[in-house]
């Protein structure tokens, strides 16, 4: 297991070293996230408009993969601690299935050597992640699952960033909301599961503060339709409910309520993101 964690950290460091900045308007659990949260909700990028449909599909696919691996870690922690066990295990199976399908799609779209090499790194760590999630639950395994998830999601967000650079149009920050929610949910449950290091608490509260800013930024998106504005209102109400539980991470005690409310919020985020994607295409 120590070799696995060493490889994870070396891999993550390698991709930081090549100067890869994750999503100009998004990251999560890294220093980049702190700076991008203060940036404009839109980042102008010039490319060939004819390539945009495929690029948008690949961005969505890579970011969905980053979301899936965060959800896998979160549901592993829930199931391992006998909380919403059946739902968590069922969700984890679906998330692995979606992740594997998305990796095939991405692999077929990659052409440059660096991205292909990154995909190889991702796949090695996914194999380790699958192995860990099939073993008996324990705190050491839980920590490794969280660490592996961080490394894999970093790689997926780098792939998405590479595709974004080639777009001919703006890409709204709101498209990355689902990743943020997945990561916040993971941090909350990691603490409840016994991973009670100070970094977990700091990351949790930082993510909550930045999500607060982002959800308000959505109201300024110039292409919001009536339906999109209604979705924002629903997200805002759910976020107000669950946010306080997240901020009271050390108190804990209501993991099922947090689990169910976060899942509802996730569905609203997916709904809004899909509507936003249509405005980008038009």
C-alpha atoms as a PDB file:
ATOM      1  CA  UNK A   1       0.000   0.000   0.000  1.00  0.00           C
ATOM      2  CA  UNK A   2       2.899   2.371   0.715  1.00  0.00           C
ATOM      3  CA  UNK A   3       4.146   1.824  -2.853  1.00  0.00           C
ATOM      4  CA  UNK A   4       0.701   2.698  -4.172  1.00  0.00           C
ATOM      5  CA  UNK A   5       0.566   5.964  -2.240  1.00  0.00           C
ATOM      6  CA  UNK A   6       4.130   6.798  -3.274  1.00  0.00           C
ATOM      7  CA  UNK A   7       3.252   6.307  -6.935  1.00  0.00           C
ATOM      8  CA  UNK A   8       0.135   8.445  -6.507  1.00  0.00           C
ATOM      9  CA  UNK A   9       2.079  11.308  -4.988  1.00  0.00           C
ATOM     10  CA  UNK A  10       4.886  11.039  -7.582  1.00  0.00           C
ATOM     11  CA  UNK A  11       2.333  11.040 -10.384  1.00  0.00           C
ATOM     12  CA  UNK A  12       0.480  14.043  -9.019  1.00  0.00           C
ATOM     13  CA  UNK A  13       3.751  15.911  -8.521  1.00  0.00           C
ATOM     14  CA  UNK A  14       4.877  15.070 -12.063  1.00  0.00           C
ATOM     15  CA  UNK A  15       1.846  16.703 -13.616  1.00  0.00           C
ATOM     16  CA  UNK A  16       2.180  19.765 -11.438  1.00  0.00           C
ATOM     17  CA  UNK A  17       5.833  19.976 -12.486  1.00  0.00           C
ATOM     18  CA  UNK A  18       5.061  20.188 -16.183  1.00  0.00           C
ATOM     19  CA  UNK A  19       3.160  23.384 -15.409  1.00  0.00           C
ATOM     20  CA  UNK A  20      -0.313  21.971 -15.985  1.00  0.00           C
ATOM     21  CA  UNK A  21      -2.915  24.363 -14.639  1.00  0.00           C
ATOM     22  CA  UNK A  22      -6.288  22.793 -14.077  1.00  0.00           C
ATOM     23  CA  UNK A  23      -9.418  24.419 -15.453  1.00  0.00           C
ATOM     24  CA  UNK A  24      -9.072  28.177 -15.771  1.00  0.00           C
ATOM     25  CA  UNK A  25     -12.378  28.703 -14.003  1.00  0.00           C
ATOM     26  CA  UNK A  26     -12.198  25.588 -11.847  1.00  0.00           C
ATOM     27  CA  UNK A  27     -10.129  23.255  -9.740  1.00  0.00           C
ATOM     28  CA  UNK A  28     -10.699  21.472  -6.471  1.00  0.00           C
ATOM     29  CA  UNK A  29      -8.531  20.679  -3.466  1.00  0.00           C
ATOM     30  CA  UNK A  30      -5.531  22.555  -4.960  1.00  0.00           C
ATOM     31  CA  UNK A  31      -3.990  26.000  -4.773  1.00  0.00           C
ATOM     32  CA  UNK A  32      -5.343  26.674  -8.264  1.00  0.00           C
ATOM     33  CA  UNK A  33      -8.905  26.444  -6.976  1.00  0.00           C
ATOM     34  CA  UNK A  34      -8.362  29.287  -4.540  1.00  0.00           C
ATOM     35  CA  UNK A  35      -7.214  31.644  -7.260  1.00  0.00           C
ATOM     36  CA  UNK A  36      -9.738  30.648  -9.913  1.00  0.00           C
ATOM     37  CA  UNK A  37     -12.670  31.123  -7.538  1.00  0.00           C
ATOM     38  CA  UNK A  38     -11.933  34.835  -7.615  1.00  0.00           C
ATOM     39  CA  UNK A  39     -11.655  34.945 -11.415  1.00  0.00           C
ATOM     40  CA  UNK A  40     -14.352  35.916 -13.860  1.00  0.00           C
ATOM     41  CA  UNK A  41     -17.148  33.431 -14.424  1.00  0.00           C
ATOM     42  CA  UNK A  42     -16.146  33.259 -18.093  1.00  0.00           C
ATOM     43  CA  UNK A  43     -12.768  32.763 -19.792  1.00  0.00           C
ATOM     44  CA  UNK A  44     -12.357  33.726 -23.433  1.00  0.00           C
ATOM     45  CA  UNK A  45     -10.595  31.077 -25.535  1.00  0.00           C
ATOM     46  CA  UNK A  46     -10.039  31.215 -29.286  1.00  0.00           C
ATOM     47  CA  UNK A  47      -9.960  28.123 -31.509  1.00  0.00           C
ATOM     48  CA  UNK A  48     -11.619  26.573 -34.537  1.00  0.00           C
ATOM     49  CA  UNK A  49     -15.422  26.819 -34.100  1.00  0.00           C
ATOM     50  CA  UNK A  50     -15.850  23.629 -36.109  1.00  0.00           C
ATOM     51  CA  UNK A  51     -14.044  21.685 -33.375  1.00  0.00           C
ATOM     52  CA  UNK A  52     -16.235  22.985 -30.545  1.00  0.00           C
ATOM     53  CA  UNK A  53     -18.911  20.228 -30.521  1.00  0.00           C
ATOM     54  CA  UNK A  54     -16.330  17.469 -30.014  1.00  0.00           C
ATOM     55  CA  UNK A  55     -14.312  19.560 -27.563  1.00  0.00           C
ATOM     56  CA  UNK A  56     -17.396  20.306 -25.459  1.00  0.00           C
ATOM     57  CA  UNK A  57     -18.226  16.608 -25.377  1.00  0.00           C
ATOM     58  CA  UNK A  58     -14.684  15.746 -24.257  1.00  0.00           C
ATOM     59  CA  UNK A  59     -14.664  18.458 -21.577  1.00  0.00           C
ATOM     60  CA  UNK A  60     -17.956  17.142 -20.230  1.00  0.00           C
ATOM     61  CA  UNK A  61     -16.634  13.563 -20.329  1.00  0.00           C
ATOM     62  CA  UNK A  62     -13.365  14.353 -18.543  1.00  0.00           C
ATOM     63  CA  UNK A  63     -15.078  16.439 -15.870  1.00  0.00           C
ATOM     64  CA  UNK A  64     -17.719  13.743 -15.378  1.00  0.00           C
ATOM     65  CA  UNK A  65     -14.860  11.299 -14.790  1.00  0.00           C
ATOM     66  CA  UNK A  66     -13.426  13.626 -12.148  1.00  0.00           C
ATOM     67  CA  UNK A  67     -16.867  13.753 -10.515  1.00  0.00           C
ATOM     68  CA  UNK A  68     -17.265   9.967 -10.634  1.00  0.00           C
ATOM     69  CA  UNK A  69     -14.015   9.285  -8.820  1.00  0.00           C
ATOM     70  CA  UNK A  70     -14.938  11.772  -6.071  1.00  0.00           C
ATOM     71  CA  UNK A  71     -18.356  10.129  -5.719  1.00  0.00           C
ATOM     72  CA  UNK A  72     -16.736   6.686  -5.606  1.00  0.00           C
ATOM     73  CA  UNK A  73     -14.579   7.810  -2.682  1.00  0.00           C
ATOM     74  CA  UNK A  74     -17.562   9.402  -0.921  1.00  0.00           C
ATOM     75  CA  UNK A  75     -19.794   6.349  -1.333  1.00  0.00           C
ATOM     76  CA  UNK A  76     -16.979   4.016  -0.282  1.00  0.00           C
ATOM     77  CA  UNK A  77     -16.745   5.964   2.977  1.00  0.00           C
ATOM     78  CA  UNK A  78     -20.512   5.848   3.510  1.00  0.00           C
ATOM     79  CA  UNK A  79     -20.793   2.129   2.774  1.00  0.00           C
ATOM     80  CA  UNK A  80     -17.739   1.310   4.872  1.00  0.00           C
ATOM     81  CA  UNK A  81     -19.278   3.055   7.863  1.00  0.00           C
ATOM     82  CA  UNK A  82     -22.669   1.344   7.441  1.00  0.00           C
ATOM     83  CA  UNK A  83     -24.497   4.541   6.485  1.00  0.00           C
ATOM     84  CA  UNK A  84     -26.947   4.355   3.568  1.00  0.00           C
ATOM     85  CA  UNK A  85     -25.021   1.190   2.749  1.00  0.00           C
ATOM     86  CA  UNK A  86     -27.221  -0.271   0.001  1.00  0.00           C
ATOM     87  CA  UNK A  87     -27.601   3.051  -1.824  1.00  0.00           C
ATOM     88  CA  UNK A  88     -23.895   3.839  -1.500  1.00  0.00           C
ATOM     89  CA  UNK A  89     -22.755   0.453  -2.839  1.00  0.00           C
ATOM     90  CA  UNK A  90     -25.211   0.595  -5.722  1.00  0.00           C
ATOM     91  CA  UNK A  91     -24.103   4.137  -6.556  1.00  0.00           C
ATOM     92  CA  UNK A  92     -20.443   3.102  -6.466  1.00  0.00           C
ATOM     93  CA  UNK A  93     -21.029   0.297  -8.986  1.00  0.00           C
ATOM     94  CA  UNK A  94     -22.776   2.728 -11.342  1.00  0.00           C
ATOM     95  CA  UNK A  95     -20.019   5.294 -10.913  1.00  0.00           C
ATOM     96  CA  UNK A  96     -17.288   2.804 -11.784  1.00  0.00           C
ATOM     97  CA  UNK A  97     -19.287   1.757 -14.862  1.00  0.00           C
ATOM     98  CA  UNK A  98     -19.719   5.372 -15.998  1.00  0.00           C
ATOM     99  CA  UNK A  99     -16.059   6.128 -15.322  1.00  0.00           C
ATOM    100  CA  UNK A 100     -14.849   3.179 -17.394  1.00  0.00           C
ATOM    101  CA  UNK A 101     -17.123   4.106 -20.305  1.00  0.00           C
ATOM    102  CA  UNK A 102     -15.878   7.691 -20.209  1.00  0.00           C
ATOM    103  CA  UNK A 103     -12.244   6.588 -20.200  1.00  0.00           C
ATOM    104  CA  UNK A 104     -12.788   4.691 -23.446  1.00  0.00           C
ATOM    105  CA  UNK A 105     -14.342   7.785 -25.007  1.00  0.00           C
ATOM    106  CA  UNK A 106     -11.462   9.978 -23.877  1.00  0.00           C
ATOM    107  CA  UNK A 107      -8.793   7.521 -24.992  1.00  0.00           C
ATOM    108  CA  UNK A 108     -10.189   7.563 -28.534  1.00  0.00           C
ATOM    109  CA  UNK A 109     -10.026  11.374 -28.617  1.00  0.00           C
ATOM    110  CA  UNK A 110      -6.473  11.806 -27.312  1.00  0.00           C
ATOM    111  CA  UNK A 111      -3.684  12.367 -29.808  1.00  0.00           C
ATOM    112  CA  UNK A 112      -0.759  14.115 -28.091  1.00  0.00           C
ATOM    113  CA  UNK A 113       1.847  12.029 -26.193  1.00  0.00           C
ATOM    114  CA  UNK A 114       1.509  13.940 -22.905  1.00  0.00           C
ATOM    115  CA  UNK A 115      -2.235  13.359 -22.695  1.00  0.00           C
ATOM    116  CA  UNK A 116      -1.831   9.692 -23.587  1.00  0.00           C
ATOM    117  CA  UNK A 117       0.821   9.329 -20.909  1.00  0.00           C
ATOM    118  CA  UNK A 118      -1.477  11.015 -18.397  1.00  0.00           C
ATOM    119  CA  UNK A 119      -4.242   8.588 -19.348  1.00  0.00           C
ATOM    120  CA  UNK A 120      -1.873   5.682 -18.628  1.00  0.00           C
ATOM    121  CA  UNK A 121      -1.146   7.148 -15.201  1.00  0.00           C
ATOM    122  CA  UNK A 122      -4.855   7.531 -14.526  1.00  0.00           C
ATOM    123  CA  UNK A 123      -5.626   3.961 -15.515  1.00  0.00           C
ATOM    124  CA  UNK A 124      -2.905   2.525 -13.260  1.00  0.00           C
ATOM    125  CA  UNK A 125      -4.361   4.336 -10.290  1.00  0.00           C
ATOM    126  CA  UNK A 126      -7.930   3.381 -11.203  1.00  0.00           C
ATOM    127  CA  UNK A 127      -6.861  -0.269 -11.112  1.00  0.00           C
ATOM    128  CA  UNK A 128      -5.491   0.298  -7.600  1.00  0.00           C
ATOM    129  CA  UNK A 129      -8.689   2.120  -6.606  1.00  0.00           C
ATOM    130  CA  UNK A 130     -10.894  -0.754  -7.760  1.00  0.00           C
ATOM    131  CA  UNK A 131      -8.737  -3.223  -5.863  1.00  0.00           C
ATOM    132  CA  UNK A 132      -8.965  -1.194  -2.652  1.00  0.00           C
ATOM    133  CA  UNK A 133     -12.738  -0.755  -2.811  1.00  0.00           C
ATOM    134  CA  UNK A 134     -13.157  -4.533  -3.033  1.00  0.00           C
ATOM    135  CA  UNK A 135     -11.146  -5.198   0.121  1.00  0.00           C
ATOM    136  CA  UNK A 136     -12.532  -5.174   3.674  1.00  0.00           C
ATOM    137  CA  UNK A 137     -13.085  -1.602   4.866  1.00  0.00           C
ATOM    138  CA  UNK A 138     -10.544  -0.054   7.177  1.00  0.00           C
ATOM    139  CA  UNK A 139      -9.308   3.443   7.984  1.00  0.00           C
ATOM    140  CA  UNK A 140      -5.989   2.875   6.187  1.00  0.00           C
ATOM    141  CA  UNK A 141      -7.826   1.732   3.073  1.00  0.00           C
ATOM    142  CA  UNK A 142     -10.189   4.698   3.352  1.00  0.00           C
ATOM    143  CA  UNK A 143      -7.255   7.129   3.424  1.00  0.00           C
ATOM    144  CA  UNK A 144      -5.739   5.465   0.364  1.00  0.00           C
ATOM    145  CA  UNK A 145      -9.045   5.634  -1.511  1.00  0.00           C
ATOM    146  CA  UNK A 146      -9.226   9.372  -0.774  1.00  0.00           C
ATOM    147  CA  UNK A 147      -5.603   9.877  -1.873  1.00  0.00           C
ATOM    148  CA  UNK A 148      -6.045   7.887  -5.074  1.00  0.00           C
ATOM    149  CA  UNK A 149      -9.223   9.781  -5.869  1.00  0.00           C
ATOM    150  CA  UNK A 150      -7.396  13.099  -5.512  1.00  0.00           C
ATOM    151  CA  UNK A 151      -4.668  12.011  -7.941  1.00  0.00           C
ATOM    152  CA  UNK A 152      -7.095  10.575 -10.507  1.00  0.00           C
ATOM    153  CA  UNK A 153      -9.417  13.591 -10.433  1.00  0.00           C
ATOM    154  CA  UNK A 154      -6.417  15.892 -10.873  1.00  0.00           C
ATOM    155  CA  UNK A 155      -5.493  13.983 -14.010  1.00  0.00           C
ATOM    156  CA  UNK A 156      -9.032  14.117 -15.381  1.00  0.00           C
ATOM    157  CA  UNK A 157      -9.274  17.854 -14.770  1.00  0.00           C
ATOM    158  CA  UNK A 158      -5.970  18.326 -16.580  1.00  0.00           C
ATOM    159  CA  UNK A 159      -7.375  16.478 -19.598  1.00  0.00           C
ATOM    160  CA  UNK A 160     -10.442  18.725 -19.492  1.00  0.00           C
ATOM    161  CA  UNK A 161      -8.201  21.786 -19.286  1.00  0.00           C
ATOM    162  CA  UNK A 162      -6.305  20.661 -22.391  1.00  0.00           C
ATOM    163  CA  UNK A 163      -9.561  20.402 -24.342  1.00  0.00           C
ATOM    164  CA  UNK A 164     -10.765  23.769 -23.016  1.00  0.00           C
ATOM    165  CA  UNK A 165      -7.703  25.539 -24.392  1.00  0.00           C
ATOM    166  CA  UNK A 166      -8.808  24.637 -27.914  1.00  0.00           C
ATOM    167  CA  UNK A 167     -12.344  26.048 -27.634  1.00  0.00           C
ATOM    168  CA  UNK A 168     -13.347  29.058 -29.735  1.00  0.00           C
ATOM    169  CA  UNK A 169     -15.807  30.392 -27.157  1.00  0.00           C
ATOM    170  CA  UNK A 170     -16.260  31.071 -23.451  1.00  0.00           C
ATOM    171  CA  UNK A 171     -16.799  28.199 -21.047  1.00  0.00           C
ATOM    172  CA  UNK A 172     -18.882  29.197 -17.981  1.00  0.00           C
ATOM    173  CA  UNK A 173     -17.627  28.295 -14.523  1.00  0.00           C
ATOM    174  CA  UNK A 174     -21.018  26.825 -13.646  1.00  0.00           C
ATOM    175  CA  UNK A 175     -20.270  23.740 -15.685  1.00  0.00           C
ATOM    176  CA  UNK A 176     -17.857  22.583 -12.977  1.00  0.00           C
ATOM    177  CA  UNK A 177     -20.289  22.807 -10.077  1.00  0.00           C
ATOM    178  CA  UNK A 178     -20.926  19.103  -9.898  1.00  0.00           C
ATOM    179  CA  UNK A 179     -17.271  18.395  -9.186  1.00  0.00           C
ATOM    180  CA  UNK A 180     -17.287  20.903  -6.352  1.00  0.00           C
ATOM    181  CA  UNK A 181     -20.334  19.312  -4.723  1.00  0.00           C
ATOM    182  CA  UNK A 182     -18.870  15.815  -5.052  1.00  0.00           C
ATOM    183  CA  UNK A 183     -15.632  16.897  -3.422  1.00  0.00           C
ATOM    184  CA  UNK A 184     -17.358  18.710  -0.565  1.00  0.00           C
ATOM    185  CA  UNK A 185     -19.447  15.595   0.142  1.00  0.00           C
ATOM    186  CA  UNK A 186     -16.316  13.462   0.177  1.00  0.00           C
ATOM    187  CA  UNK A 187     -14.492  15.732   2.618  1.00  0.00           C
ATOM    188  CA  UNK A 188     -17.471  15.749   4.970  1.00  0.00           C
ATOM    189  CA  UNK A 189     -17.735  11.979   5.093  1.00  0.00           C
ATOM    190  CA  UNK A 190     -13.971  11.502   5.297  1.00  0.00           C
ATOM    191  CA  UNK A 191     -13.979  13.467   8.540  1.00  0.00           C
ATOM    192  CA  UNK A 192     -16.955  11.537   9.904  1.00  0.00           C
ATOM    193  CA  UNK A 193     -15.167   8.301   8.983  1.00  0.00           C
ATOM    194  CA  UNK A 194     -12.165   9.188  11.123  1.00  0.00           C
ATOM    195  CA  UNK A 195      -9.836  11.012   8.708  1.00  0.00           C
ATOM    196  CA  UNK A 196      -9.738  13.959  11.064  1.00  0.00           C
ATOM    197  CA  UNK A 197      -6.639  15.805   9.985  1.00  0.00           C
ATOM    198  CA  UNK A 198      -6.676  19.600   9.955  1.00  0.00           C
ATOM    199  CA  UNK A 199      -6.262  19.669   6.181  1.00  0.00           C
ATOM    200  CA  UNK A 200      -9.609  17.913   5.692  1.00  0.00           C
ATOM    201  CA  UNK A 201     -11.374  20.591   7.737  1.00  0.00           C
ATOM    202  CA  UNK A 202      -9.548  23.433   5.982  1.00  0.00           C
ATOM    203  CA  UNK A 203     -10.316  22.050   2.536  1.00  0.00           C
ATOM    204  CA  UNK A 204     -13.936  21.470   3.484  1.00  0.00           C
ATOM    205  CA  UNK A 205     -14.489  25.045   4.654  1.00  0.00           C
ATOM    206  CA  UNK A 206     -12.546  26.522   1.739  1.00  0.00           C
ATOM    207  CA  UNK A 207     -14.632  24.579  -0.754  1.00  0.00           C
ATOM    208  CA  UNK A 208     -17.857  25.652   0.961  1.00  0.00           C
ATOM    209  CA  UNK A 209     -16.863  29.317   0.808  1.00  0.00           C
ATOM    210  CA  UNK A 210     -15.922  29.106  -2.854  1.00  0.00           C
ATOM    211  CA  UNK A 211     -19.084  27.238  -3.777  1.00  0.00           C
ATOM    212  CA  UNK A 212     -21.037  30.002  -2.070  1.00  0.00           C
ATOM    213  CA  UNK A 213     -19.388  32.505  -4.404  1.00  0.00           C
ATOM    214  CA  UNK A 214     -19.920  30.372  -7.473  1.00  0.00           C
ATOM    215  CA  UNK A 215     -23.610  29.761  -6.918  1.00  0.00           C
ATOM    216  CA  UNK A 216     -24.132  33.527  -6.743  1.00  0.00           C
ATOM    217  CA  UNK A 217     -22.053  33.989  -9.905  1.00  0.00           C
ATOM    218  CA  UNK A 218     -24.534  31.807 -11.759  1.00  0.00           C
ATOM    219  CA  UNK A 219     -27.229  34.431 -11.313  1.00  0.00           C
ATOM    220  CA  UNK A 220     -25.136  36.778 -13.478  1.00  0.00           C
ATOM    221  CA  UNK A 221     -24.788  34.357 -16.387  1.00  0.00           C
ATOM    222  CA  UNK A 222     -26.210  36.377 -19.316  1.00  0.00           C
ATOM    223  CA  UNK A 223     -27.776  33.373 -21.061  1.00  0.00           C
ATOM    224  CA  UNK A 224     -29.858  32.174 -18.121  1.00  0.00           C
ATOM    225  CA  UNK A 225     -33.354  31.163 -19.210  1.00  0.00           C
ATOM    226  CA  UNK A 226     -36.418  31.146 -16.955  1.00  0.00           C
ATOM    227  CA  UNK A 227     -35.919  27.417 -16.376  1.00  0.00           C
ATOM    228  CA  UNK A 228     -32.237  27.950 -15.542  1.00  0.00           C
ATOM    229  CA  UNK A 229     -33.094  30.688 -13.047  1.00  0.00           C
ATOM    230  CA  UNK A 230     -35.613  28.372 -11.398  1.00  0.00           C
ATOM    231  CA  UNK A 231     -32.952  25.661 -11.158  1.00  0.00           C
ATOM    232  CA  UNK A 232     -30.582  28.153  -9.512  1.00  0.00           C
ATOM    233  CA  UNK A 233     -33.269  28.984  -6.929  1.00  0.00           C
ATOM    234  CA  UNK A 234     -33.726  25.279  -6.142  1.00  0.00           C
ATOM    235  CA  UNK A 235     -29.975  24.799  -5.850  1.00  0.00           C
ATOM    236  CA  UNK A 236     -29.715  27.817  -3.568  1.00  0.00           C
ATOM    237  CA  UNK A 237     -32.405  26.483  -1.206  1.00  0.00           C
ATOM    238  CA  UNK A 238     -30.803  23.035  -0.985  1.00  0.00           C
ATOM    239  CA  UNK A 239     -27.375  24.575  -0.542  1.00  0.00           C
ATOM    240  CA  UNK A 240     -28.596  26.749   2.335  1.00  0.00           C
ATOM    241  CA  UNK A 241     -29.816  23.581   4.074  1.00  0.00           C
ATOM    242  CA  UNK A 242     -26.729  21.446   3.641  1.00  0.00           C
ATOM    243  CA  UNK A 243     -24.108  24.205   3.910  1.00  0.00           C
ATOM    244  CA  UNK A 244     -24.516  24.534   7.660  1.00  0.00           C
ATOM    245  CA  UNK A 245     -23.982  20.802   8.136  1.00  0.00           C
ATOM    246  CA  UNK A 246     -20.766  21.079   6.158  1.00  0.00           C
ATOM    247  CA  UNK A 247     -19.552  24.039   8.204  1.00  0.00           C
ATOM    248  CA  UNK A 248     -20.332  22.078  11.371  1.00  0.00           C
ATOM    249  CA  UNK A 249     -18.140  19.237  10.101  1.00  0.00           C
ATOM    250  CA  UNK A 250     -16.611  18.592  13.526  1.00  0.00           C
ATOM    251  CA  UNK A 251     -20.028  18.242  15.125  1.00  0.00           C
ATOM    252  CA  UNK A 252     -21.318  15.725  12.566  1.00  0.00           C
ATOM    253  CA  UNK A 253     -24.121  13.408  13.613  1.00  0.00           C
ATOM    254  CA  UNK A 254     -26.456  13.772  10.605  1.00  0.00           C
ATOM    255  CA  UNK A 255     -24.735  11.890   7.776  1.00  0.00           C
ATOM    256  CA  UNK A 256     -27.941  10.470   6.243  1.00  0.00           C
ATOM    257  CA  UNK A 257     -29.564  13.900   5.983  1.00  0.00           C
ATOM    258  CA  UNK A 258     -26.355  15.246   4.430  1.00  0.00           C
ATOM    259  CA  UNK A 259     -26.199  12.299   2.022  1.00  0.00           C
ATOM    260  CA  UNK A 260     -29.789  12.699   0.812  1.00  0.00           C
ATOM    261  CA  UNK A 261     -29.695  16.496   0.562  1.00  0.00           C
ATOM    262  CA  UNK A 262     -26.383  16.448  -1.284  1.00  0.00           C
ATOM    263  CA  UNK A 263     -27.770  13.907  -3.763  1.00  0.00           C
ATOM    264  CA  UNK A 264     -30.762  16.175  -4.417  1.00  0.00           C
ATOM    265  CA  UNK A 265     -28.423  19.121  -4.914  1.00  0.00           C
ATOM    266  CA  UNK A 266     -26.335  17.046  -7.307  1.00  0.00           C
ATOM    267  CA  UNK A 267     -29.414  16.330  -9.459  1.00  0.00           C
ATOM    268  CA  UNK A 268     -30.237  20.039  -9.640  1.00  0.00           C
ATOM    269  CA  UNK A 269     -26.651  20.833 -10.590  1.00  0.00           C
ATOM    270  CA  UNK A 270     -26.769  18.241 -13.378  1.00  0.00           C
ATOM    271  CA  UNK A 271     -30.052  19.718 -14.628  1.00  0.00           C
ATOM    272  CA  UNK A 272     -28.667  23.261 -14.667  1.00  0.00           C
ATOM    273  CA  UNK A 273     -25.380  22.158 -16.255  1.00  0.00           C
ATOM    274  CA  UNK A 274     -27.175  20.406 -19.089  1.00  0.00           C
ATOM    275  CA  UNK A 275     -29.215  23.522 -19.793  1.00  0.00           C
ATOM    276  CA  UNK A 276     -26.079  25.653 -19.661  1.00  0.00           C
ATOM    277  CA  UNK A 277     -24.326  23.349 -22.136  1.00  0.00           C
ATOM    278  CA  UNK A 278     -27.095  24.017 -24.631  1.00  0.00           C
ATOM    279  CA  UNK A 279     -26.494  27.760 -24.338  1.00  0.00           C
ATOM    280  CA  UNK A 280     -22.788  27.205 -25.045  1.00  0.00           C
ATOM    281  CA  UNK A 281     -23.561  25.191 -28.156  1.00  0.00           C
ATOM    282  CA  UNK A 282     -25.971  27.818 -29.498  1.00  0.00           C
END
